[in-house]
C-alpha cells in the first residue's frame, strides 16, 4: 500500500476548500520551510489510523485522515486549552484532560502549579505520534504529575470516583462518528458530576463546517448543563476559527488573572501565543451566560438519543458557513 497517499486526507482537504475554511495553497509558505512532503509515521491503531506528516516545514497529526493538531497554526488553541482553565479555576489541585494527541495541551496545563493531571486518550497510537511534537509540547510524558489513561472518556468518567478542579475536553470535530458523543448533554453532565464544588469544565468547539443553527445547538447544550459559562474565541473576539467554552456550577470571574500570570511558568507559556497581560486574554472574550443564553434559547439540545449534531452537520460540511458563524459571534460580542 502507498501509505503516503493514504495519509494525505484528500477528502478532508477537499471539504475544507469547498467550505472556504481552507484555501488552495493555504499551507504553502516559503518562510516556513522548503516545499517538502514527508510521511513521518503511519500506524493503524486499535480504534483509528494515526499519521504524522511534515509539509512545508509544518508537522501535523491526522486521525483517520483528518488533521487534529500541528506545530504551527493550531498552537494557540492547543496551548490555551491547557492554560485557560489554569487562569480561571479557583483551585489547581487535580485536573483531567480528554484527548492527548500532540501532547501540547497536556504540556501547557502542566506549565502551572497544578498538582496532578490525568489524561484520558482513546487511541494509543497518538501517544507514539506525540513524540514528533516534543519540540513544542514540553514532553509531558516525562512529568511525574501526569497519569496517562488509555480508555474511553465517557467510560472512565462513569467509573472513576475522583473529583477534579479542572476538566478540559479537546476531542475531534463534533460530527465525527465515535467522537460526536463527547458533545452531548449526557457527556457534559458526566463531566459536571465529576467536578469539585468550584471546578471548571473547558470545551473546544469549531465555528467552521457547521451551520449557525448547529453551532447554537452545541452552545445551548453546554449552557443547559453549566449554569455559568464564559465563551472565548481563539485569536480575538473578531477573528479565529475556534471557540473555547468554560463552564461551572459557580459564577466565573477574571479575578485571579493577575495573580496567576505572575507565575513564571504560566507567563512563559502564555508568551508563546503572544498573551502578555490581562488585556490580551480579555480580547478573546466573547460573552458570558447572560448574553449567550438568550441567543441560543430556541436551539435543539444535542443528546445521546437524537445525536442531532452527528446526523445533521455532515450535510453542512461542504457549505461555506464560517463567515456566517463569525458574524453571529461578533454580534454576540457587541451586545
Protein backbone atom coordinates (compact mmCIF):
# COMPACT_ATOMS: atom_id res chain seq x y z
CA UNK A 1 0.00 0.00 0.00
CA UNK A 2 1.09 3.55 -0.67
CA UNK A 3 0.97 4.86 2.88
CA UNK A 4 1.96 8.36 1.83
CA UNK A 5 -1.15 8.71 -0.34
CA UNK A 6 -3.35 7.07 2.30
CA UNK A 7 -2.26 9.63 4.89
CA UNK A 8 -2.92 12.75 2.83
CA UNK A 9 -6.56 13.22 3.87
CA UNK A 10 -7.75 14.09 0.37
CA UNK A 11 -11.45 14.09 1.27
CA UNK A 12 -10.91 16.25 4.32
CA UNK A 13 -8.86 18.78 2.36
CA UNK A 14 -11.45 18.94 -0.43
CA UNK A 15 -14.29 19.55 2.02
CA UNK A 16 -12.39 22.37 3.68
CA UNK A 17 -11.62 24.05 0.35
CA UNK A 18 -15.27 23.84 -0.73
CA UNK A 19 -16.42 25.11 2.67
CA UNK A 20 -13.99 28.04 2.36
CA UNK A 21 -12.29 27.19 5.63
CA UNK A 22 -9.09 26.43 3.76
CA UNK A 23 -7.88 27.94 0.51
CA UNK A 24 -5.86 26.02 -2.04
CA UNK A 25 -2.26 26.79 -1.21
CA UNK A 26 -3.01 27.89 2.35
CA UNK A 27 -0.23 25.76 3.76
CA UNK A 28 2.36 26.94 1.26
CA UNK A 29 4.58 29.50 2.92
CA UNK A 30 8.11 29.87 1.72
CA UNK A 31 9.14 31.42 5.01
CA UNK A 32 8.12 28.35 7.00
CA UNK A 33 10.27 25.81 5.20
CA UNK A 34 11.07 24.04 1.98
CA UNK A 35 8.28 22.58 -0.14
CA UNK A 36 8.92 19.10 1.21
CA UNK A 37 6.34 16.41 1.87
CA UNK A 38 7.29 13.58 4.18
CA UNK A 39 5.30 10.93 5.98
CA UNK A 40 6.93 10.58 9.38
CA UNK A 41 4.61 7.97 10.89
CA UNK A 42 1.66 5.86 9.84
CA UNK A 43 0.03 3.38 12.21
CA UNK A 44 -3.28 1.58 12.21
CA UNK A 45 -4.24 1.64 15.87
CA UNK A 46 -6.96 -0.19 17.72
CA UNK A 47 -9.60 2.47 17.11
CA UNK A 48 -8.19 4.69 14.35
CA UNK A 49 -5.37 5.27 11.87
CA UNK A 50 -2.86 7.86 13.04
CA UNK A 51 -0.36 9.60 10.79
CA UNK A 52 2.21 12.36 11.18
CA UNK A 53 3.32 14.38 8.17
CA UNK A 54 5.76 17.20 7.53
CA UNK A 55 4.73 19.58 4.75
CA UNK A 56 6.44 22.91 4.07
CA UNK A 57 8.10 22.68 7.46
CA UNK A 58 4.78 22.12 9.28
CA UNK A 59 4.43 18.96 11.34
CA UNK A 60 0.82 17.79 11.67
CA UNK A 61 -1.03 14.83 13.15
CA UNK A 62 -4.05 13.32 11.42
CA UNK A 63 -6.53 10.79 12.78
CA UNK A 64 -8.33 8.84 10.07
CA UNK A 65 -7.03 11.40 7.56
CA UNK A 66 -8.39 14.40 9.47
CA UNK A 67 -5.79 16.84 10.80
CA UNK A 68 -6.21 17.16 14.57
CA UNK A 69 -3.17 19.20 15.54
CA UNK A 70 0.03 20.79 14.31
CA UNK A 71 3.10 22.69 15.48
CA UNK A 72 2.07 25.98 13.85
CA UNK A 73 -1.47 27.26 13.22
CA UNK A 74 -3.09 25.04 15.85
CA UNK A 75 -0.71 26.07 18.63
CA UNK A 76 -2.81 28.92 20.13
CA UNK A 77 -5.82 26.62 20.53
CA UNK A 78 -3.77 23.72 21.89
CA UNK A 79 -1.89 25.90 24.38
CA UNK A 80 -4.88 27.87 25.62
CA UNK A 81 -6.99 24.74 26.06
CA UNK A 82 -4.45 23.88 28.74
CA UNK A 83 -3.81 27.36 30.09
CA UNK A 84 -7.28 28.93 30.20
CA UNK A 85 -8.58 26.66 32.98
CA UNK A 86 -5.35 27.27 34.90
CA UNK A 87 -6.02 31.00 34.72
CA UNK A 88 -9.69 30.81 35.74
CA UNK A 89 -10.15 27.83 38.08
CA UNK A 90 -10.31 28.72 41.80
CA UNK A 91 -8.32 25.61 42.75
CA UNK A 92 -5.41 23.92 40.97
CA UNK A 93 -5.03 20.53 42.60
CA UNK A 94 -6.41 17.86 40.30
CA UNK A 95 -7.06 18.08 36.57
CA UNK A 96 -8.41 15.81 33.85
CA UNK A 97 -7.76 16.24 30.12
CA UNK A 98 -9.81 14.39 27.49
CA UNK A 99 -7.56 13.71 24.49
CA UNK A 100 -3.75 13.59 24.36
CA UNK A 101 -2.96 13.72 20.60
CA UNK A 102 0.07 16.00 20.07
CA UNK A 103 0.53 16.41 23.84
CA UNK A 104 0.67 20.20 23.53
CA UNK A 105 -2.41 20.84 25.68
CA UNK A 106 -1.24 18.42 28.36
CA UNK A 107 2.19 20.04 28.38
CA UNK A 108 0.64 23.51 28.52
CA UNK A 109 -1.55 22.65 31.50
CA UNK A 110 1.47 21.29 33.33
CA UNK A 111 3.21 24.66 32.98
CA UNK A 112 1.48 25.70 36.20
CA UNK A 113 1.25 24.81 39.90
CA UNK A 114 -1.32 22.06 39.20
CA UNK A 115 -0.60 19.11 41.49
CA UNK A 116 -1.77 16.23 39.27
CA UNK A 117 -3.17 15.73 35.80
CA UNK A 118 -4.93 12.68 34.40
CA UNK A 119 -5.22 12.43 30.63
CA UNK A 120 -7.68 10.02 29.02
CA UNK A 121 -6.78 9.07 25.44
CA UNK A 122 -8.71 6.54 23.39
CA UNK A 123 -6.01 5.65 20.85
CA UNK A 124 -2.55 4.55 21.98
CA UNK A 125 -1.06 5.29 18.54
CA UNK A 126 -1.47 9.03 19.15
CA UNK A 127 0.84 8.74 22.16
CA UNK A 128 3.52 7.30 19.91
CA UNK A 129 2.82 10.07 17.38
CA UNK A 130 3.18 12.76 20.06
CA UNK A 131 6.92 12.10 20.12
CA UNK A 132 7.14 14.07 16.88
CA UNK A 133 5.88 17.14 18.75
CA UNK A 134 8.35 17.14 21.61
CA UNK A 135 9.84 20.37 20.27
CA UNK A 136 6.58 22.16 21.21
CA UNK A 137 4.82 20.05 23.89
CA UNK A 138 7.26 20.25 26.85
CA UNK A 139 7.44 16.41 26.89
CA UNK A 140 4.52 15.91 29.27
CA UNK A 141 5.05 12.14 29.37
CA UNK A 142 8.20 12.81 31.40
CA UNK A 143 6.34 14.87 34.01
CA UNK A 144 5.58 12.77 37.13
CA UNK A 145 2.37 14.74 37.71
CA UNK A 146 0.85 13.25 34.54
CA UNK A 147 -1.05 9.97 34.60
CA UNK A 148 -1.93 8.75 31.09
CA UNK A 149 -5.01 6.52 30.81
CA UNK A 150 -5.85 4.64 27.60
CA UNK A 151 -9.62 4.40 27.75
CA UNK A 152 -12.88 5.86 26.51
CA UNK A 153 -13.50 9.16 28.29
CA UNK A 154 -17.18 8.53 28.95
CA UNK A 155 -16.48 5.10 30.38
CA UNK A 156 -13.75 6.49 32.60
CA UNK A 157 -15.93 9.32 33.91
CA UNK A 158 -18.65 6.82 34.77
CA UNK A 159 -16.40 4.57 36.83
CA UNK A 160 -13.98 6.98 38.49
CA UNK A 161 -14.81 8.40 41.89
CA UNK A 162 -12.24 11.20 41.52
CA UNK A 163 -13.24 14.84 41.75
CA UNK A 164 -11.45 17.39 39.58
CA UNK A 165 -10.83 21.11 39.85
CA UNK A 166 -10.35 21.21 36.08
CA UNK A 167 -11.71 19.08 33.26
CA UNK A 168 -10.71 20.05 29.72
CA UNK A 169 -12.09 18.27 26.66
CA UNK A 170 -10.36 18.54 23.28
CA UNK A 171 -11.68 15.77 21.03
CA UNK A 172 -12.01 15.91 17.26
CA UNK A 173 -14.89 17.63 15.47
CA UNK A 174 -18.39 17.27 16.95
CA UNK A 175 -19.92 15.50 13.96
CA UNK A 176 -17.25 12.79 13.63
CA UNK A 177 -18.65 9.31 14.42
CA UNK A 178 -17.07 7.97 17.58
CA UNK A 179 -16.38 11.50 18.77
CA UNK A 180 -19.85 13.05 18.50
CA UNK A 181 -20.98 11.65 21.85
CA UNK A 182 -18.41 13.92 23.55
CA UNK A 183 -20.60 16.90 22.63
CA UNK A 184 -23.92 15.68 24.01
CA UNK A 185 -25.81 16.75 27.12
CA UNK A 186 -25.09 13.40 28.75
CA UNK A 187 -21.31 13.77 28.34
CA UNK A 188 -21.31 17.29 29.73
CA UNK A 189 -23.36 16.01 32.67
CA UNK A 190 -20.79 13.27 33.30
CA UNK A 191 -18.10 15.93 33.42
CA UNK A 192 -20.14 18.24 35.63
CA UNK A 193 -20.75 15.45 38.13
CA UNK A 194 -17.00 14.80 38.43
CA UNK A 195 -16.13 18.44 39.15
CA UNK A 196 -15.27 19.66 42.61
CA UNK A 197 -17.57 22.29 44.11
CA UNK A 198 -15.82 25.18 42.33
CA UNK A 199 -14.42 23.17 39.43
CA UNK A 200 -14.43 24.32 35.79
CA UNK A 201 -15.12 22.38 32.60
CA UNK A 202 -13.39 23.61 29.43
CA UNK A 203 -14.53 22.59 25.93
CA UNK A 204 -13.09 23.21 22.45
CA UNK A 205 -15.52 23.90 19.61
CA UNK A 206 -15.05 24.84 15.97
CA UNK A 207 -17.01 27.51 14.07
CA UNK A 208 -16.41 26.04 10.60
CA UNK A 209 -18.08 23.16 8.73
CA UNK A 210 -21.34 23.56 10.65
CA UNK A 211 -24.26 25.93 10.32
CA UNK A 212 -25.09 28.68 12.79
CA UNK A 213 -28.09 26.62 13.94
CA UNK A 214 -25.79 23.67 14.64
CA UNK A 215 -23.27 25.91 16.40
CA UNK A 216 -26.10 27.29 18.54
CA UNK A 217 -27.19 23.73 19.29
CA UNK A 218 -23.82 22.77 20.79
CA UNK A 219 -23.65 26.04 22.72
CA UNK A 220 -27.18 25.56 24.04
CA UNK A 221 -26.35 22.02 25.11
CA UNK A 222 -23.29 23.20 27.03
CA UNK A 223 -25.29 26.02 28.62
CA UNK A 224 -28.07 23.62 29.57
CA UNK A 225 -25.64 21.69 31.77
CA UNK A 226 -23.48 24.51 33.14
CA UNK A 227 -25.36 27.48 34.63
CA UNK A 228 -22.29 29.74 34.36
CA UNK A 229 -20.42 29.99 31.05
CA UNK A 230 -17.63 32.09 29.57
CA UNK A 231 -17.04 31.94 25.82
CA UNK A 232 -13.70 32.82 24.21
CA UNK A 233 -12.68 32.97 20.55
CA UNK A 234 -9.10 31.90 19.86
CA UNK A 235 -7.18 34.85 18.43
CA UNK A 236 -9.71 37.50 19.40
CA UNK A 237 -13.44 38.14 19.61
CA UNK A 238 -13.47 39.28 15.97
CA UNK A 239 -11.20 36.64 14.44
CA UNK A 240 -10.28 32.98 14.68
CA UNK A 241 -11.92 29.66 13.81
CA UNK A 242 -12.05 28.03 17.26
CA UNK A 243 -14.02 28.67 20.43
CA UNK A 244 -13.11 27.71 23.98
CA UNK A 245 -16.02 27.37 26.39
CA UNK A 246 -15.63 27.45 30.17
CA UNK A 247 -18.47 26.12 32.30
CA UNK A 248 -19.02 25.85 36.03
CA UNK A 249 -21.66 25.39 38.69
CA UNK A 250 -20.34 28.56 40.34
CA UNK A 251 -20.03 32.11 38.93
CA UNK A 252 -16.87 32.59 36.86
CA UNK A 253 -14.67 35.69 37.16
CA UNK A 254 -11.36 37.10 35.93
CA UNK A 255 -10.30 37.91 39.49
CA UNK A 256 -7.32 35.52 39.54
CA UNK A 257 -5.73 36.53 36.25
CA UNK A 258 -3.12 38.92 37.64
CA UNK A 259 -2.05 36.51 40.36
CA UNK A 260 -1.82 33.51 38.03
CA UNK A 261 0.05 35.44 35.34
CA UNK A 262 2.76 36.29 37.86
CA UNK A 263 3.72 32.61 37.92
CA UNK A 264 6.83 32.34 35.72
CA UNK A 265 5.73 29.00 34.19
CA UNK A 266 2.34 30.37 33.22
CA UNK A 267 3.68 33.66 31.87
CA UNK A 268 6.29 31.86 29.76
CA UNK A 269 3.65 29.57 28.28
CA UNK A 270 1.28 32.44 27.53
CA UNK A 271 4.12 34.29 25.80
CA UNK A 272 4.16 31.51 23.20
CA UNK A 273 0.77 32.78 21.98
CA UNK A 274 1.59 36.49 22.44
CA UNK A 275 -0.58 36.76 25.52
CA UNK A 276 1.38 39.13 27.69
CA UNK A 277 -1.23 40.60 30.04
CA UNK A 278 -4.84 40.53 31.20
CA UNK A 279 -5.93 42.70 28.31
CA UNK A 280 -4.65 40.10 25.85
CA UNK A 281 -6.89 37.42 27.36
CA UNK A 282 -9.87 39.74 27.67
CA UNK A 283 -9.57 40.49 23.94
CA UNK A 284 -10.52 36.84 23.31
CA UNK A 285 -13.63 37.07 25.50
CA UNK A 286 -16.94 36.98 23.64
CA UNK A 287 -19.64 36.79 26.33
CA UNK A 288 -20.94 35.06 29.43
CA UNK A 289 -24.20 33.20 30.07
CA UNK A 290 -26.20 36.42 30.39
CA UNK A 291 -25.81 37.07 26.66
CA UNK A 292 -25.31 33.51 25.45
CA UNK A 293 -28.47 32.01 26.97
CA UNK A 294 -30.96 34.30 25.16
CA UNK A 295 -29.05 33.86 21.88
CA UNK A 296 -29.39 30.06 21.93
CA UNK A 297 -32.75 29.79 23.70
CA UNK A 298 -34.61 28.04 20.87
CA UNK A 299 -31.75 25.77 19.74
CA UNK A 300 -32.06 21.98 19.71
CA UNK A 301 -30.32 20.26 22.63
CA UNK A 302 -27.84 17.64 21.36
CA UNK A 303 -28.43 14.36 23.23
CA UNK A 304 -27.41 10.72 23.12
CA UNK A 305 -30.90 9.90 21.89
CA UNK A 306 -31.20 12.34 18.99
CA UNK A 307 -27.45 12.66 18.07
CA UNK A 308 -28.53 15.82 16.33
CA UNK A 309 -25.06 17.16 15.51
CA UNK A 310 -23.67 13.83 14.28
CA UNK A 311 -26.56 13.31 11.86
CA UNK A 312 -27.14 16.89 10.66
CA UNK A 313 -23.73 18.52 10.39
CA UNK A 314 -22.14 16.16 7.79
CA UNK A 315 -24.75 17.51 5.35
CA UNK A 316 -23.46 21.02 6.06
CA UNK A 317 -19.75 20.26 5.66
CA UNK A 318 -19.50 21.38 2.03
CA UNK A 319 -21.17 24.74 2.61
CA UNK A 320 -19.20 27.99 3.21
CA UNK A 321 -20.59 28.65 6.68
CA UNK A 322 -17.69 30.01 8.74
CA UNK A 323 -18.29 33.66 7.85
CA UNK A 324 -21.94 33.45 8.91
CA UNK A 325 -20.87 31.94 12.24
CA UNK A 326 -18.17 34.58 12.67
CA UNK A 327 -20.71 37.36 12.10
CA UNK A 328 -23.11 35.81 14.62
CA UNK A 329 -20.33 35.57 17.24
CA UNK A 330 -19.16 39.13 16.58
CA UNK A 331 -22.70 40.44 17.01
CA UNK A 332 -22.94 38.49 20.26
CA UNK A 333 -19.72 40.10 21.50
CA UNK A 334 -21.10 43.59 20.79
CA UNK A 335 -24.29 43.22 22.80
